[in-house]
Amino acid sequence: MTRPVDPSIGDPGVRDPGSGFAAFVREHTPALLRTAYVLTGDALSAEELVQDTMVRLLPKWAKVESADLPLAYVRRSLANQYVNTRRRASRREFAYADVPERVDDHDAVGQLADRDQLWAGLGTLPDRQRAALVLRYYEDLSDADIADTLHARVGTVRSLISRGLATLRAEMTP
């Protein structure tokens, strides 16, 4: 009994449709994880956010790949996925009086207390303000790019950033 032969196997002229996706994931996952970590403030949540975003984009990968800047397209999807996930009532976090201490192996011993204060301040901001600040100061995007990513007007982005910074300054002032 003979098996049917797949003509695409071993033929260098035939491109695997998943190879572009796999190459993109291998190349850009570290950068996407860093962005997601800044958004979520937690390594496991960041990994989950990146994975959920990539799973959502896989079926339409041809559209992503044909975009002018595929990485920007994926970052936009990542930020939108974060904001949408935070909107869902079932995904809300609850505040507890006594928070268990977490050990972060990546923290150096001599890091400044300002970092912890900044993280705490970012955690108190509304999701869109936090996303706008992360995209501005961590991803170094322009107002127009942030507006495009968050589906907002440039003036709204400037307002989100201004209010977010004002809140952070007020919280960090002794």
Protein backbone atom coordinates (compact mmCIF):
# COMPACT_ATOMS: atom_id res chain seq x y z
CA MET A 1 0.00 0.00 0.00
CA THR A 2 1.43 3.38 -0.96
CA ARG A 3 0.85 6.58 0.90
CA PRO A 4 -0.10 9.79 -0.88
CA VAL A 5 2.90 12.07 -1.22
CA ASP A 6 2.67 15.68 -0.18
CA PRO A 7 4.39 17.63 -2.98
CA SER A 8 5.28 20.50 -0.65
CA ILE A 9 7.47 18.37 1.62
CA GLY A 10 11.10 18.94 0.89
CA ASP A 11 10.40 21.39 -1.92
CA PRO A 12 12.38 24.58 -1.20
CA GLY A 13 10.10 26.58 -3.50
CA VAL A 14 7.06 26.04 -1.29
CA ARG A 15 6.92 28.27 1.80
CA ASP A 16 5.45 27.01 5.06
CA PRO A 17 2.64 29.45 5.97
CA GLY A 18 3.56 29.26 9.66
CA SER A 19 7.25 29.95 9.14
CA GLY A 20 6.78 33.73 9.04
CA PHE A 21 4.79 33.61 12.27
CA ALA A 22 7.35 31.35 13.97
CA ALA A 23 10.24 33.56 12.88
CA PHE A 24 8.43 36.68 14.12
CA VAL A 25 7.71 35.05 17.47
CA ARG A 26 11.33 33.94 17.90
CA GLU A 27 12.67 37.38 17.02
CA HIS A 28 10.23 39.68 18.83
CA THR A 29 8.99 37.78 21.89
CA PRO A 30 11.59 39.29 24.26
CA ALA A 31 10.61 42.85 23.28
CA LEU A 32 6.89 42.04 23.48
CA LEU A 33 7.38 40.45 26.90
CA ARG A 34 9.13 43.57 28.16
CA THR A 35 6.26 45.75 26.94
CA ALA A 36 3.68 43.39 28.44
CA TYR A 37 5.59 43.32 31.75
CA VAL A 38 5.50 47.09 31.98
CA LEU A 39 1.76 47.04 31.25
CA THR A 40 0.86 44.24 33.68
CA GLY A 41 3.56 44.59 36.33
CA ASP A 42 3.85 40.81 36.61
CA ALA A 43 5.97 38.34 34.63
CA LEU A 44 3.33 35.60 34.49
CA SER A 45 0.60 38.02 33.44
CA ALA A 46 2.96 39.44 30.81
CA GLU A 47 3.61 35.98 29.36
CA GLU A 48 -0.11 35.27 29.32
CA LEU A 49 -0.85 38.60 27.63
CA VAL A 50 1.74 38.01 24.89
CA GLN A 51 0.52 34.44 24.37
CA ASP A 52 -3.15 35.48 24.18
CA THR A 53 -2.29 38.24 21.73
CA MET A 54 -0.28 35.93 19.48
CA VAL A 55 -2.99 33.24 19.57
CA ARG A 56 -5.53 35.87 18.57
CA LEU A 57 -3.32 37.09 15.70
CA LEU A 58 -2.32 33.70 14.28
CA PRO A 59 -5.48 33.15 12.17
CA LYS A 60 -4.99 36.53 10.49
CA TRP A 61 -1.19 36.39 10.29
CA ALA A 62 -1.14 37.16 6.55
CA LYS A 63 -2.79 40.51 7.32
CA VAL A 64 -0.29 41.21 10.12
CA GLU A 65 2.65 40.28 7.92
CA SER A 66 1.44 42.51 5.09
CA ALA A 67 1.23 45.54 7.40
CA ASP A 68 3.81 48.29 6.91
CA LEU A 69 5.22 47.63 10.39
CA PRO A 70 4.20 44.17 11.67
CA LEU A 71 5.83 44.76 15.07
CA ALA A 72 3.83 47.96 15.55
CA TYR A 73 0.67 46.07 14.54
CA VAL A 74 1.38 43.39 17.16
CA ARG A 75 2.24 45.98 19.85
CA ARG A 76 -1.03 47.73 19.13
CA SER A 77 -2.88 44.43 19.49
CA LEU A 78 -0.98 43.77 22.73
CA ALA A 79 -1.99 47.14 24.20
CA ASN A 80 -5.59 46.68 23.08
CA GLN A 81 -5.67 43.15 24.50
CA TYR A 82 -4.40 44.51 27.83
CA VAL A 83 -7.01 47.29 27.98
CA ASN A 84 -9.82 44.94 26.92
CA THR A 85 -8.80 42.28 29.44
CA ARG A 86 -8.72 44.83 32.24
CA ARG A 87 -12.21 46.03 31.33
CA ARG A 88 -13.76 42.63 31.95
CA ALA A 89 -15.30 42.51 35.41
CA SER A 90 -14.29 38.88 35.95
CA ARG A 91 -10.60 39.81 35.51
CA ARG A 92 -10.54 42.62 38.08
CA GLU A 93 -7.99 42.41 40.83
CA PHE A 94 -8.98 42.81 44.45
CA ALA A 95 -7.04 44.76 47.04
CA TYR A 96 -6.04 42.97 50.22
CA ALA A 97 -4.83 44.49 53.46
CA ASP A 98 -1.82 42.17 53.73
CA VAL A 99 -0.12 41.45 50.44
CA PRO A 100 2.25 38.46 50.48
CA GLU A 101 5.84 39.34 49.72
CA ARG A 102 7.07 38.29 46.28
CA VAL A 103 10.65 37.48 45.46
CA ASP A 104 11.85 38.75 42.09
CA ASP A 105 15.08 37.01 41.06
CA HIS A 106 15.77 39.68 38.46
CA ASP A 107 15.97 42.58 40.90
CA ALA A 108 19.48 43.75 41.73
CA VAL A 109 20.21 44.40 45.38
CA GLY A 110 21.00 48.09 45.01
CA GLN A 111 17.95 49.23 43.02
CA LEU A 112 16.32 52.44 44.13
CA ALA A 113 13.09 52.71 46.10
CA ASP A 114 11.81 55.09 43.42
CA ARG A 115 11.24 52.12 41.12
CA ASP A 116 8.90 50.48 43.61
CA GLN A 117 7.13 53.77 44.16
CA LEU A 118 6.75 54.21 40.40
CA TRP A 119 5.35 50.69 39.99
CA ALA A 120 2.86 51.33 42.77
CA GLY A 121 1.89 54.61 41.17
CA LEU A 122 1.44 53.02 37.76
CA GLY A 123 -0.80 50.41 39.34
CA THR A 124 -3.17 53.09 40.62
CA LEU A 125 -3.63 54.74 37.23
CA PRO A 126 -6.61 53.96 35.01
CA ASP A 127 -5.76 51.43 32.29
CA ARG A 128 -5.74 53.88 29.37
CA GLN A 129 -3.49 56.37 31.23
CA ARG A 130 -1.12 53.56 32.13
CA ALA A 131 -1.09 52.26 28.54
CA ALA A 132 -0.44 55.78 27.19
CA LEU A 133 2.47 56.32 29.62
CA VAL A 134 3.99 52.93 28.80
CA LEU A 135 3.72 53.52 25.07
CA ARG A 136 5.24 57.02 25.43
CA TYR A 137 8.07 56.47 27.88
CA TYR A 138 8.84 52.78 27.50
CA GLU A 139 8.15 52.23 23.80
CA ASP A 140 9.10 55.83 22.89
CA LEU A 141 6.12 56.28 20.56
CA SER A 142 4.89 59.66 19.36
CA ASP A 143 1.51 61.10 20.28
CA ALA A 144 0.16 60.17 16.85
CA ASP A 145 1.37 56.57 17.16
CA ILE A 146 -0.10 56.24 20.63
CA ALA A 147 -3.39 57.73 19.43
CA ASP A 148 -3.44 55.22 16.60
CA THR A 149 -2.67 52.36 18.97
CA LEU A 150 -5.32 53.30 21.53
CA HIS A 151 -7.90 54.35 18.92
CA ALA A 152 -8.04 57.85 20.35
CA ARG A 153 -7.37 61.41 19.24
CA VAL A 154 -3.97 63.01 19.71
CA GLY A 155 -5.48 65.49 22.16
CA THR A 156 -6.91 62.62 24.20
CA VAL A 157 -3.48 60.97 24.32
CA ARG A 158 -1.86 64.18 25.52
CA SER A 159 -4.54 64.52 28.16
CA LEU A 160 -4.09 60.89 29.29
CA ILE A 161 -0.33 61.37 29.57
CA SER A 162 -0.64 64.72 31.34
CA ARG A 163 -3.15 63.43 33.90
CA GLY A 164 -1.15 60.24 34.43
CA LEU A 165 2.07 62.17 35.04
CA ALA A 166 0.31 64.59 37.37
CA THR A 167 -1.04 61.67 39.41
CA LEU A 168 2.39 60.01 39.57
CA ARG A 169 4.07 63.26 40.61
CA ALA A 170 1.52 63.82 43.36
CA GLU A 171 1.99 60.29 44.68
CA MET A 172 5.79 60.44 44.55
CA THR A 173 6.15 63.83 46.24
CA PRO A 174 7.14 63.39 49.90
